N, C-alpha and C. Protein backbone atom coordinates (compact mmCIF):
# COMPACT_ATOMS: atom_id res chain seq x y z
N MET A 1 1.11 -1.06 0.34
CA MET A 1 0.00 -0.18 -0.28
C MET A 1 1.02 1.22 0.06
N LYS A 2 0.79 2.37 -0.72
CA LYS A 2 1.70 3.40 -1.17
C LYS A 2 0.86 4.10 -0.24
N LYS A 3 1.91 5.55 0.31
CA LYS A 3 2.06 6.28 1.53
C LYS A 3 1.24 7.52 0.05
N ILE A 4 0.27 8.05 0.29
CA ILE A 4 -0.14 9.50 -0.45
C ILE A 4 -0.36 10.97 0.09
N ALA A 5 0.52 12.20 -0.55
CA ALA A 5 0.29 12.88 0.47
C ALA A 5 -0.57 13.92 -0.07
N VAL A 6 -1.76 14.44 -0.12
CA VAL A 6 -1.96 15.10 -1.02
C VAL A 6 -2.06 16.78 -0.50
N PHE A 7 -1.66 17.81 -0.99
CA PHE A 7 -1.19 18.93 -1.11
C PHE A 7 -3.20 19.87 -1.66
N VAL A 8 -3.47 20.89 -1.05
CA VAL A 8 -4.54 21.56 -0.92
C VAL A 8 -4.14 22.79 -0.54
N SER A 9 -4.79 23.81 -1.24
CA SER A 9 -5.04 25.27 -1.05
C SER A 9 -6.24 26.12 -0.73
N GLY A 10 -7.37 24.97 -0.91
CA GLY A 10 -8.64 25.87 -1.53
C GLY A 10 -9.82 25.16 -0.35
N GLY A 11 -10.69 24.49 -1.12
CA GLY A 11 -12.18 23.80 -0.85
C GLY A 11 -12.39 22.71 -0.73
N GLY A 12 -11.29 21.80 -1.48
CA GLY A 12 -10.73 20.67 -1.57
C GLY A 12 -11.61 20.00 -2.07
N THR A 13 -12.48 20.20 -3.24
CA THR A 13 -13.24 19.34 -3.73
C THR A 13 -12.44 17.83 -4.31
N ASN A 14 -11.14 18.17 -4.81
CA ASN A 14 -10.24 17.25 -5.60
C ASN A 14 -10.07 15.80 -4.32
N LEU A 15 -9.74 16.81 -3.72
CA LEU A 15 -9.44 15.70 -2.22
C LEU A 15 -10.60 15.20 -1.77
N GLN A 16 -11.85 15.51 -1.63
CA GLN A 16 -13.17 14.75 -1.48
C GLN A 16 -12.96 13.15 -2.14
N ALA A 17 -13.19 13.60 -3.52
CA ALA A 17 -13.33 12.43 -4.67
C ALA A 17 -12.09 11.65 -4.46
N ILE A 18 -10.74 12.06 -3.89
CA ILE A 18 -9.69 10.74 -3.73
C ILE A 18 -10.35 10.49 -2.59
N LEU A 19 -11.11 10.66 -1.69
CA LEU A 19 -11.09 9.98 -0.13
C LEU A 19 -12.48 9.29 -0.65
N ASP A 20 -13.32 9.51 -1.80
CA ASP A 20 -14.30 9.04 -1.46
C ASP A 20 -14.30 7.87 -2.60
N ALA A 21 -13.27 8.04 -3.34
CA ALA A 21 -12.48 6.77 -4.51
C ALA A 21 -12.02 5.79 -3.77
N GLN A 22 -10.96 6.26 -2.28
CA GLN A 22 -10.75 5.25 -1.43
C GLN A 22 -11.79 4.52 -1.06
N SER A 23 -12.42 4.92 0.01
CA SER A 23 -13.60 4.58 1.13
C SER A 23 -14.74 3.29 -0.01
N GLU A 24 -14.30 4.29 -1.70
CA GLU A 24 -15.33 2.95 -2.48
C GLU A 24 -14.51 1.37 -2.71
N GLY A 25 -12.83 1.92 -2.74
CA GLY A 25 -12.15 0.64 -3.15
C GLY A 25 -11.62 1.11 -4.55
N LYS A 26 -11.53 2.24 -5.09
CA LYS A 26 -11.55 2.57 -6.66
C LYS A 26 -9.97 2.86 -6.38
N ILE A 27 -9.28 3.38 -5.23
CA ILE A 27 -8.37 3.40 -5.08
C ILE A 27 -8.03 2.28 -3.52
N LYS A 28 -6.63 1.27 -4.59
CA LYS A 28 -6.19 0.15 -3.15
C LYS A 28 -5.18 -0.16 -3.24
N SER A 29 -4.37 0.56 -3.89
CA SER A 29 -3.12 0.47 -4.24
C SER A 29 -2.26 1.54 -3.41
N GLY A 30 -3.41 2.68 -2.30
CA GLY A 30 -2.60 3.58 -1.93
C GLY A 30 -3.49 3.88 -0.81
N GLU A 31 -3.11 4.67 0.02
CA GLU A 31 -3.70 5.61 1.01
C GLU A 31 -3.57 6.97 1.71
N VAL A 32 -4.12 7.56 1.79
CA VAL A 32 -4.06 9.08 2.12
C VAL A 32 -3.44 9.25 3.22
N CYS A 33 -2.34 9.42 3.30
CA CYS A 33 -2.06 9.28 4.92
C CYS A 33 -1.46 10.49 5.20
N LEU A 34 -1.43 11.71 4.56
CA LEU A 34 -1.32 13.18 5.16
C LEU A 34 -1.93 14.21 4.07
N VAL A 35 -2.34 14.97 4.29
CA VAL A 35 -3.38 16.19 3.83
C VAL A 35 -2.11 17.60 4.31
N ILE A 36 -1.40 18.11 3.33
CA ILE A 36 -0.76 19.60 3.65
C ILE A 36 -1.25 20.69 2.96
N SER A 37 -1.73 21.95 3.54
CA SER A 37 -2.35 22.34 3.00
C SER A 37 -1.17 24.66 3.29
N ASN A 38 -1.42 24.99 2.29
CA ASN A 38 -0.46 25.79 2.81
C ASN A 38 -1.47 27.74 3.09
N ARG A 39 -2.94 27.18 3.41
CA ARG A 39 -3.71 28.20 3.51
C ARG A 39 -4.58 27.57 5.21
N SER A 40 -4.63 27.90 6.15
CA SER A 40 -5.02 27.35 7.20
C SER A 40 -6.12 28.16 7.76
N LYS A 41 -7.16 28.21 6.21
CA LYS A 41 -8.70 28.32 6.35
C LYS A 41 -9.00 27.84 5.37
N ALA A 42 -8.31 26.95 4.62
CA ALA A 42 -8.79 25.98 3.71
C ALA A 42 -9.40 25.12 4.01
N TYR A 43 -10.66 25.16 3.28
CA TYR A 43 -12.36 23.88 4.16
C TYR A 43 -11.52 22.51 3.78
N ALA A 44 -10.71 22.42 3.10
CA ALA A 44 -10.10 21.23 2.78
C ALA A 44 -9.91 20.24 3.44
N ILE A 45 -8.86 21.28 4.84
CA ILE A 45 -8.53 20.76 5.76
C ILE A 45 -9.69 20.08 7.13
N GLU A 46 -10.80 20.69 6.66
CA GLU A 46 -12.18 20.39 8.02
C GLU A 46 -12.40 18.99 6.63
N ARG A 47 -12.32 18.48 5.14
CA ARG A 47 -12.14 17.51 5.19
C ARG A 47 -11.53 16.57 5.14
N ALA A 48 -10.40 16.37 5.26
CA ALA A 48 -9.02 15.56 5.86
C ALA A 48 -9.41 15.82 7.20
N LYS A 49 -9.93 16.25 8.17
CA LYS A 49 -9.89 15.80 9.81
C LYS A 49 -11.58 14.85 9.64
N ASN A 50 -12.51 15.37 8.95
CA ASN A 50 -13.57 14.31 8.94
C ASN A 50 -13.54 13.07 8.19
N ALA A 51 -12.49 12.86 7.41
CA ALA A 51 -11.86 11.55 7.25
C ALA A 51 -10.50 10.25 7.86
N GLY A 52 -10.46 11.60 9.09
CA GLY A 52 -9.29 11.25 10.09
C GLY A 52 -7.79 11.37 9.21
N VAL A 53 -7.72 12.15 8.98
CA VAL A 53 -6.12 11.97 7.52
C VAL A 53 -5.40 13.15 8.51
N PRO A 54 -4.17 12.90 8.75
CA PRO A 54 -3.72 13.87 9.29
C PRO A 54 -3.49 15.34 9.01
N VAL A 55 -3.46 16.30 9.03
CA VAL A 55 -3.18 17.50 8.12
C VAL A 55 -1.74 18.24 8.77
N LYS A 56 -1.24 18.72 7.88
CA LYS A 56 0.16 19.71 8.54
C LYS A 56 0.09 21.10 7.57
N VAL A 57 -0.33 22.64 8.42
CA VAL A 57 -0.33 23.79 7.50
C VAL A 57 1.37 24.07 7.14
N ILE A 58 1.63 24.24 6.54
CA ILE A 58 2.51 24.88 6.08
C ILE A 58 2.35 26.26 5.12
N ARG A 59 3.14 27.39 5.75
CA ARG A 59 2.63 28.70 4.47
C ARG A 59 3.96 29.41 4.49
N LYS A 60 3.80 29.53 3.70
CA LYS A 60 5.36 30.30 3.17
C LYS A 60 5.80 31.70 3.76
N MET A 61 4.65 32.19 3.88
CA MET A 61 4.78 33.45 4.33
C MET A 61 5.51 33.44 5.98
N ASP A 62 5.20 31.78 6.34
CA ASP A 62 5.92 31.47 7.85
C ASP A 62 6.98 31.04 8.05
N CYS A 63 7.70 31.55 6.57
CA CYS A 63 8.65 30.59 6.35
C CYS A 63 9.96 31.90 5.82
N ALA A 64 11.46 31.94 6.01
CA ALA A 64 11.81 32.86 5.50
C ALA A 64 12.43 32.68 4.20
N GLY A 65 11.50 31.92 3.44
CA GLY A 65 11.44 32.05 1.65
C GLY A 65 11.14 31.04 1.31
N GLN A 66 11.42 30.37 -0.02
CA GLN A 66 10.83 29.74 -0.84
C GLN A 66 11.80 28.21 0.02
N GLU A 67 13.04 28.55 -0.16
CA GLU A 67 14.10 27.33 0.36
C GLU A 67 13.23 26.85 1.79
N GLU A 68 13.05 27.47 2.99
CA GLU A 68 12.53 26.82 3.76
C GLU A 68 11.02 26.36 3.95
N PHE A 69 10.33 27.14 2.77
CA PHE A 69 9.30 26.60 2.98
C PHE A 69 9.12 25.24 1.99
N GLU A 70 10.27 24.79 1.35
CA GLU A 70 10.33 23.39 0.65
C GLU A 70 10.72 22.32 1.73
N GLU A 71 11.55 23.25 2.72
CA GLU A 71 12.69 21.89 3.61
C GLU A 71 11.52 21.49 4.65
N LYS A 72 10.26 22.46 4.48
CA LYS A 72 9.29 22.41 5.54
C LYS A 72 8.76 20.70 5.28
N ILE A 73 7.85 21.27 3.98
CA ILE A 73 7.59 20.02 3.39
C ILE A 73 7.89 19.19 3.45
N ALA A 74 9.24 18.89 2.68
CA ALA A 74 10.27 18.13 2.38
C ALA A 74 10.42 17.05 3.78
N GLU A 75 10.14 17.94 5.10
CA GLU A 75 10.79 16.96 6.20
C GLU A 75 9.29 16.10 6.64
N GLU A 76 7.94 16.58 6.11
CA GLU A 76 6.71 16.04 6.87
C GLU A 76 6.95 14.89 5.02
N LEU A 77 7.06 14.88 4.52
CA LEU A 77 6.96 14.23 3.59
C LEU A 77 7.96 13.05 3.99
N ASP A 78 9.03 13.09 3.91
CA ASP A 78 10.20 12.19 4.77
C ASP A 78 9.63 11.82 6.24
N LYS A 79 8.84 12.17 6.88
CA LYS A 79 8.84 11.91 8.35
C LYS A 79 7.86 10.78 7.70
N ASN A 80 6.79 10.69 7.20
CA ASN A 80 5.59 9.96 7.23
C ASN A 80 5.93 9.07 5.93
N GLY A 81 7.05 9.04 5.39
CA GLY A 81 7.38 7.74 4.23
C GLY A 81 6.06 7.85 3.01
N ILE A 82 6.44 8.95 2.47
CA ILE A 82 4.82 9.43 1.28
C ILE A 82 5.78 8.48 0.17
N ASP A 83 5.24 8.06 -0.73
CA ASP A 83 5.43 7.68 -1.98
C ASP A 83 5.01 8.48 -2.90
N LEU A 84 3.49 9.32 -3.45
CA LEU A 84 3.17 9.73 -4.25
C LEU A 84 2.59 11.17 -3.87
N ILE A 85 3.02 12.29 -4.16
CA ILE A 85 2.62 13.63 -3.77
C ILE A 85 1.45 13.90 -5.15
N VAL A 86 0.03 14.48 -4.14
CA VAL A 86 -1.22 14.89 -5.65
C VAL A 86 -1.18 16.17 -5.20
N LEU A 87 -1.08 17.35 -6.07
CA LEU A 87 -1.30 18.29 -5.83
C LEU A 87 -3.17 18.77 -6.57
N ALA A 88 -4.02 18.74 -5.17
CA ALA A 88 -5.09 18.46 -5.31
C ALA A 88 -5.89 20.09 -5.45
N GLY A 89 -5.66 21.23 -6.56
CA GLY A 89 -6.10 22.50 -5.89
C GLY A 89 -4.99 23.45 -5.30
N TRP A 90 -3.69 22.86 -5.42
CA TRP A 90 -2.25 23.37 -4.72
C TRP A 90 -1.89 24.44 -5.15
N LEU A 91 -1.85 26.25 -4.79
CA LEU A 91 -1.83 27.09 -5.45
C LEU A 91 -0.54 27.82 -5.20
N ALA A 92 0.42 27.16 -5.21
CA ALA A 92 1.89 27.35 -5.20
C ALA A 92 2.85 26.70 -6.01
N ILE A 93 3.94 26.93 -6.76
CA ILE A 93 4.72 26.68 -7.04
C ILE A 93 6.09 26.17 -6.37
N PHE A 94 6.79 25.24 -7.26
CA PHE A 94 7.53 24.71 -6.65
C PHE A 94 9.26 24.73 -7.32
N SER A 95 9.94 24.54 -7.11
CA SER A 95 11.41 25.11 -7.10
C SER A 95 11.49 23.51 -8.44
N PRO A 96 12.29 24.11 -9.12
CA PRO A 96 13.17 22.79 -9.72
C PRO A 96 14.08 21.77 -9.21
N ALA A 97 14.60 22.11 -7.90
CA ALA A 97 15.76 21.46 -7.13
C ALA A 97 14.25 20.54 -6.43
N PHE A 98 12.92 21.31 -6.34
CA PHE A 98 11.95 20.21 -5.20
C PHE A 98 11.72 19.46 -6.18
N THR A 99 11.01 19.78 -7.15
CA THR A 99 10.59 18.49 -8.30
C THR A 99 11.33 17.38 -8.91
N LYS A 100 12.91 18.18 -8.41
CA LYS A 100 13.83 17.00 -9.23
C LYS A 100 14.13 15.89 -8.64
N LYS A 101 13.49 16.75 -6.75
CA LYS A 101 14.07 15.55 -5.69
C LYS A 101 12.60 14.64 -5.31
N TYR A 102 12.05 14.87 -6.49
CA TYR A 102 10.95 14.29 -6.11
C TYR A 102 10.29 14.08 -7.44
N ASP A 103 11.21 13.66 -8.72
CA ASP A 103 11.17 13.05 -9.73
C ASP A 103 9.78 12.07 -10.38
N HIS A 104 9.28 12.14 -10.82
CA HIS A 104 7.84 11.23 -10.94
C HIS A 104 6.71 10.62 -9.86
N ARG A 105 7.02 11.47 -8.54
CA ARG A 105 6.25 11.43 -7.58
C ARG A 105 5.10 11.96 -7.22
N ILE A 106 5.37 13.48 -8.23
CA ILE A 106 3.92 14.24 -8.00
C ILE A 106 3.69 14.52 -9.40
N ILE A 107 2.05 14.19 -8.89
CA ILE A 107 1.04 14.58 -10.12
C ILE A 107 0.44 15.60 -9.66
N ASN A 108 -0.51 16.33 -10.77
CA ASN A 108 -1.74 17.54 -10.55
C ASN A 108 -2.33 17.62 -11.94
N VAL A 109 -3.92 17.77 -10.88
CA VAL A 109 -4.42 17.90 -11.96
C VAL A 109 -4.55 19.29 -12.24
N HIS A 110 -4.78 19.34 -13.38
CA HIS A 110 -5.06 20.56 -13.95
C HIS A 110 -6.86 20.95 -15.08
N PRO A 111 -7.52 21.82 -15.23
CA PRO A 111 -8.72 22.24 -15.22
C PRO A 111 -9.15 22.38 -16.94
N SER A 112 -8.30 21.95 -17.49
CA SER A 112 -8.40 21.91 -19.36
C SER A 112 -7.27 20.78 -19.90
N LEU A 113 -7.36 21.08 -21.20
CA LEU A 113 -7.08 19.59 -21.57
C LEU A 113 -5.22 20.50 -22.12
N ILE A 114 -4.17 20.00 -21.79
CA ILE A 114 -2.57 20.27 -21.69
C ILE A 114 -2.30 20.38 -22.96
N PRO A 115 -2.03 21.56 -23.83
CA PRO A 115 -0.86 22.35 -23.68
C PRO A 115 -2.32 23.54 -23.84
N SER A 116 -3.56 23.24 -23.79
CA SER A 116 -4.59 24.77 -23.69
C SER A 116 -4.70 25.26 -22.59
N PHE A 117 -4.53 26.55 -22.43
CA PHE A 117 -5.31 27.29 -21.29
C PHE A 117 -4.00 26.65 -19.76
N CYS A 118 -2.87 26.65 -20.16
CA CYS A 118 -2.23 26.11 -19.09
C CYS A 118 -1.00 26.97 -18.69
N GLY A 119 -0.25 26.85 -17.44
CA GLY A 119 1.49 27.87 -17.14
C GLY A 119 0.71 28.30 -15.95
N GLU A 120 1.39 29.16 -15.84
CA GLU A 120 1.68 29.92 -14.67
C GLU A 120 0.86 30.98 -14.86
N GLY A 121 -0.19 30.99 -13.85
CA GLY A 121 -1.69 32.28 -14.16
C GLY A 121 -2.57 31.51 -14.05
N PHE A 122 -2.20 30.14 -14.97
CA PHE A 122 -4.01 29.64 -15.14
C PHE A 122 -4.39 28.49 -14.19
N TYR A 123 -5.31 28.96 -13.51
CA TYR A 123 -5.69 28.17 -12.31
C TYR A 123 -7.11 28.83 -12.15
N GLY A 124 -7.94 27.52 -11.05
CA GLY A 124 -8.97 28.18 -10.75
C GLY A 124 -10.04 28.77 -12.20
N LEU A 125 -10.94 29.73 -11.80
CA LEU A 125 -11.81 30.28 -13.17
C LEU A 125 -11.30 30.82 -13.99
N LYS A 126 -9.98 31.28 -14.03
CA LYS A 126 -9.28 31.94 -14.99
C LYS A 126 -9.37 31.05 -15.94
N VAL A 127 -9.31 29.58 -16.20
CA VAL A 127 -9.23 28.44 -17.62
C VAL A 127 -9.98 28.60 -17.73
N HIS A 128 -11.93 28.50 -17.37
CA HIS A 128 -12.76 27.86 -17.80
C HIS A 128 -13.04 29.56 -18.61
N GLU A 129 -12.36 30.78 -18.06
CA GLU A 129 -12.79 32.11 -18.93
C GLU A 129 -12.32 32.25 -19.84
N GLU A 130 -11.10 31.84 -19.97
CA GLU A 130 -10.30 31.89 -21.08
C GLU A 130 -10.62 31.12 -22.66
N ALA A 131 -11.25 29.85 -21.77
CA ALA A 131 -11.73 28.72 -22.63
C ALA A 131 -13.16 29.32 -23.11
N LEU A 132 -13.63 29.58 -22.77
CA LEU A 132 -15.21 30.54 -23.41
C LEU A 132 -14.53 31.35 -24.23
N LYS A 133 -13.70 32.72 -23.76
CA LYS A 133 -12.82 33.59 -24.32
C LYS A 133 -13.54 32.87 -25.44
N LYS A 134 -12.10 31.89 -25.66
CA LYS A 134 -11.45 31.72 -27.14
C LYS A 134 -12.73 30.67 -28.34
N GLY A 135 -13.54 30.63 -27.10
CA GLY A 135 -15.17 29.66 -27.95
C GLY A 135 -14.27 28.11 -28.36
N VAL A 136 -14.07 27.41 -27.44
CA VAL A 136 -13.61 26.02 -27.70
C VAL A 136 -15.03 25.72 -27.63
N LYS A 137 -14.95 24.54 -28.19
CA LYS A 137 -16.22 23.49 -28.39
C LYS A 137 -15.64 22.48 -27.52
N VAL A 138 -14.84 22.30 -26.90
CA VAL A 138 -14.49 21.19 -26.09
C VAL A 138 -12.90 21.31 -25.15
N THR A 139 -13.49 21.14 -24.11
CA THR A 139 -12.28 21.36 -22.89
C THR A 139 -12.27 19.84 -21.94
N GLY A 140 -11.71 20.75 -20.71
CA GLY A 140 -11.45 19.14 -20.19
C GLY A 140 -10.72 19.26 -18.85
N ALA A 141 -10.39 18.31 -18.92
CA ALA A 141 -8.96 17.85 -17.55
C ALA A 141 -7.79 17.23 -17.76
N THR A 142 -6.69 17.40 -17.17
CA THR A 142 -5.45 16.81 -17.41
C THR A 142 -4.73 16.34 -16.36
N VAL A 143 -4.34 14.83 -16.20
CA VAL A 143 -3.67 14.72 -14.94
C VAL A 143 -2.10 14.07 -15.57
N HIS A 144 -0.83 15.60 -15.14
CA HIS A 144 0.02 15.26 -15.28
C HIS A 144 1.22 15.50 -14.35
N TYR A 145 2.36 14.39 -14.44
CA TYR A 145 3.51 14.86 -13.74
C TYR A 145 4.30 16.19 -13.32
N VAL A 146 4.50 16.45 -12.11
CA VAL A 146 4.94 17.57 -11.91
C VAL A 146 6.19 17.88 -12.87
N ASN A 147 6.97 18.88 -13.57
CA ASN A 147 8.33 19.17 -13.12
C ASN A 147 8.29 20.83 -13.23
N GLU A 148 9.84 20.80 -13.52
CA GLU A 148 10.24 22.36 -13.22
C GLU A 148 9.56 23.83 -13.93
N ILE A 149 8.28 22.91 -14.65
CA ILE A 149 7.72 23.97 -15.52
C ILE A 149 6.35 23.70 -15.39
N PRO A 150 5.88 25.18 -14.74
CA PRO A 150 4.18 24.80 -14.79
C PRO A 150 3.42 24.39 -15.80
N ASP A 151 2.52 23.68 -15.23
CA ASP A 151 2.15 22.31 -15.88
C ASP A 151 2.17 22.04 -17.39
N GLY A 152 3.65 21.42 -16.85
CA GLY A 152 4.87 21.39 -18.52
C GLY A 152 5.12 19.85 -18.48
N GLY A 153 5.29 19.29 -17.19
CA GLY A 153 5.17 17.85 -16.82
C GLY A 153 4.63 16.51 -18.04
N GLU A 154 4.98 15.44 -18.21
CA GLU A 154 4.47 14.47 -18.80
C GLU A 154 3.22 14.30 -18.37
N ILE A 155 2.36 14.53 -19.50
CA ILE A 155 0.48 13.83 -19.94
C ILE A 155 0.59 12.68 -18.99
N ILE A 156 -0.28 11.98 -18.32
CA ILE A 156 -0.52 10.74 -17.48
C ILE A 156 -1.90 10.37 -17.96
N ALA A 157 -3.07 11.46 -18.34
CA ALA A 157 -4.60 11.02 -18.44
C ALA A 157 -5.21 12.30 -18.81
N GLN A 158 -6.10 12.65 -20.11
CA GLN A 158 -7.04 13.37 -20.05
C GLN A 158 -8.49 12.62 -20.24
N LYS A 159 -9.61 14.11 -20.14
CA LYS A 159 -10.54 13.07 -20.36
C LYS A 159 -11.03 15.00 -21.22
N ALA A 160 -12.46 14.85 -21.67
CA ALA A 160 -12.63 15.36 -22.77
C ALA A 160 -13.70 15.82 -21.87
N VAL A 161 -14.60 17.49 -22.07
CA VAL A 161 -15.95 17.43 -21.08
C VAL A 161 -16.79 18.33 -22.07
N ARG A 162 -17.65 18.47 -23.06
CA ARG A 162 -18.30 19.39 -23.96
C ARG A 162 -18.25 21.44 -23.32
N VAL A 163 -18.52 21.76 -24.31
CA VAL A 163 -18.66 23.35 -23.56
C VAL A 163 -20.14 23.62 -24.03
N LEU A 164 -21.13 23.84 -23.74
CA LEU A 164 -22.72 24.45 -23.99
C LEU A 164 -23.01 25.56 -24.04
N PRO A 165 -23.81 25.93 -25.20
CA PRO A 165 -23.89 27.09 -25.12
C PRO A 165 -24.87 28.00 -23.91
N GLY A 166 -24.70 29.13 -23.42
CA GLY A 166 -25.24 29.58 -22.48
C GLY A 166 -23.62 29.13 -21.22
N ASP A 167 -22.28 28.59 -21.05
CA ASP A 167 -22.05 28.21 -20.17
C ASP A 167 -21.62 29.55 -19.33
N THR A 168 -21.36 29.73 -18.43
CA THR A 168 -20.93 30.69 -17.65
C THR A 168 -19.55 30.22 -17.35
N PRO A 169 -18.44 30.39 -17.17
CA PRO A 169 -17.06 29.59 -16.27
C PRO A 169 -17.29 29.31 -14.98
N GLU A 170 -18.41 29.99 -14.04
CA GLU A 170 -18.53 28.81 -13.06
C GLU A 170 -19.40 27.45 -13.33
N ARG A 171 -20.16 27.68 -14.16
CA ARG A 171 -20.83 26.38 -14.55
C ARG A 171 -19.74 25.36 -15.57
N LEU A 172 -18.99 25.76 -16.04
CA LEU A 172 -17.90 24.83 -17.07
C LEU A 172 -17.55 24.44 -16.04
N GLN A 173 -16.79 24.85 -15.23
CA GLN A 173 -15.74 24.89 -14.06
C GLN A 173 -16.96 23.46 -13.00
N LYS A 174 -17.65 23.73 -12.57
CA LYS A 174 -18.21 22.70 -12.46
C LYS A 174 -18.96 21.39 -13.33
N ARG A 175 -18.77 21.41 -14.46
CA ARG A 175 -18.73 20.38 -14.96
C ARG A 175 -17.62 19.98 -15.21
N VAL A 176 -16.56 20.47 -15.28
CA VAL A 176 -14.99 19.81 -16.12
C VAL A 176 -14.86 19.13 -14.58
N MET A 177 -14.86 19.07 -13.35
CA MET A 177 -14.84 18.99 -12.28
C MET A 177 -15.78 17.83 -12.08
N ARG A 178 -16.82 17.48 -11.84
CA ARG A 178 -17.27 16.11 -12.44
C ARG A 178 -17.22 15.09 -13.44
N GLN A 179 -17.95 16.20 -14.12
CA GLN A 179 -17.10 14.10 -15.57
C GLN A 179 -15.71 14.14 -15.85
N ALA A 180 -14.60 15.11 -15.16
CA ALA A 180 -13.11 15.14 -15.71
C ALA A 180 -12.35 14.74 -14.42
N GLU A 181 -12.20 15.70 -13.96
CA GLU A 181 -11.14 16.22 -12.52
C GLU A 181 -11.83 14.56 -11.68
N TRP A 182 -13.24 14.69 -10.93
CA TRP A 182 -13.55 13.65 -10.15
C TRP A 182 -13.43 12.43 -10.50
N LYS A 183 -13.10 11.79 -11.32
CA LYS A 183 -12.63 10.80 -12.17
C LYS A 183 -11.25 10.18 -12.40
N LEU A 184 -10.63 11.40 -13.46
CA LEU A 184 -9.95 10.93 -13.94
C LEU A 184 -8.55 11.04 -12.60
N LEU A 185 -8.46 11.70 -11.83
CA LEU A 185 -8.10 12.02 -10.28
C LEU A 185 -7.63 10.65 -9.67
N PRO A 186 -8.79 10.39 -9.22
CA PRO A 186 -8.59 9.03 -8.39
C PRO A 186 -8.14 7.18 -9.14
N ALA A 187 -8.50 7.92 -10.50
CA ALA A 187 -7.69 6.55 -11.72
C ALA A 187 -6.90 6.79 -12.02
N ALA A 188 -6.06 8.17 -12.01
CA ALA A 188 -4.26 8.15 -12.23
C ALA A 188 -3.78 7.79 -10.90
N ILE A 189 -4.38 8.07 -9.80
CA ILE A 189 -3.70 7.64 -8.34
C ILE A 189 -3.67 6.06 -8.47
N GLU A 190 -4.51 5.40 -8.58
CA GLU A 190 -4.45 4.17 -8.39
C GLU A 190 -3.47 3.41 -9.32
N GLU A 191 -3.85 3.50 -10.51
CA GLU A 191 -2.85 3.11 -11.88
C GLU A 191 -1.24 3.64 -11.70
N ILE A 192 -1.25 4.64 -10.94
CA ILE A 192 0.46 4.95 -10.17
C ILE A 192 0.67 4.57 -9.69
N CYS A 193 0.08 4.01 -8.31
CA CYS A 193 0.46 3.52 -7.07
C CYS A 193 0.52 1.53 -7.40
N GLY A 194 -0.56 1.11 -8.10
CA GLY A 194 -0.05 -0.19 -8.94
C GLY A 194 0.59 -0.59 -9.39
N LYS A 195 1.81 0.79 -9.85
CA LYS A 195 3.00 0.26 -10.58
C LYS A 195 4.23 1.07 -10.02
N MET A 196 4.38 1.19 -8.85
CA MET A 196 5.20 1.72 -7.84
C MET A 196 5.88 0.54 -7.22
């Protein structure tokens, strides 16, 4: 059983999808053993506590800089023997040194079909706003390995979602979560843990 750490910054809907998939037996090769948040008021913390998963809050503002921030995170990961890091709505970028240290052990879910609407600054509603501005007929979600380039790592899985007439960024975001992110991420976690 591989040990998983989920990194969160906000509401934790993807974390919930992972925890649900785990309790439904869809994730059987790994277990969420730790949740790390960089925001002390993230609702994801409540979701983790409700599931009995230990939470550690590590905020960059409490550290001397990026190096100390990453050192504190690495310390928690090592202490807990973590095999796989899952970024699920984590709004912080890691240094090349950190991503290299955990090469092919960090995955992220992004709410578009990479290489569209991705990279630095593309997160949350902005991704869906840009997709609607462009007039794309299909969007979706991508699970990828994390490297030193934001959203630039090797693609693991993608799922397409139709853009419907009259979509708002909020409506599109919910559909992409329900139809793609919440299915794709647990499936990718199971696949990766099964091969580790």
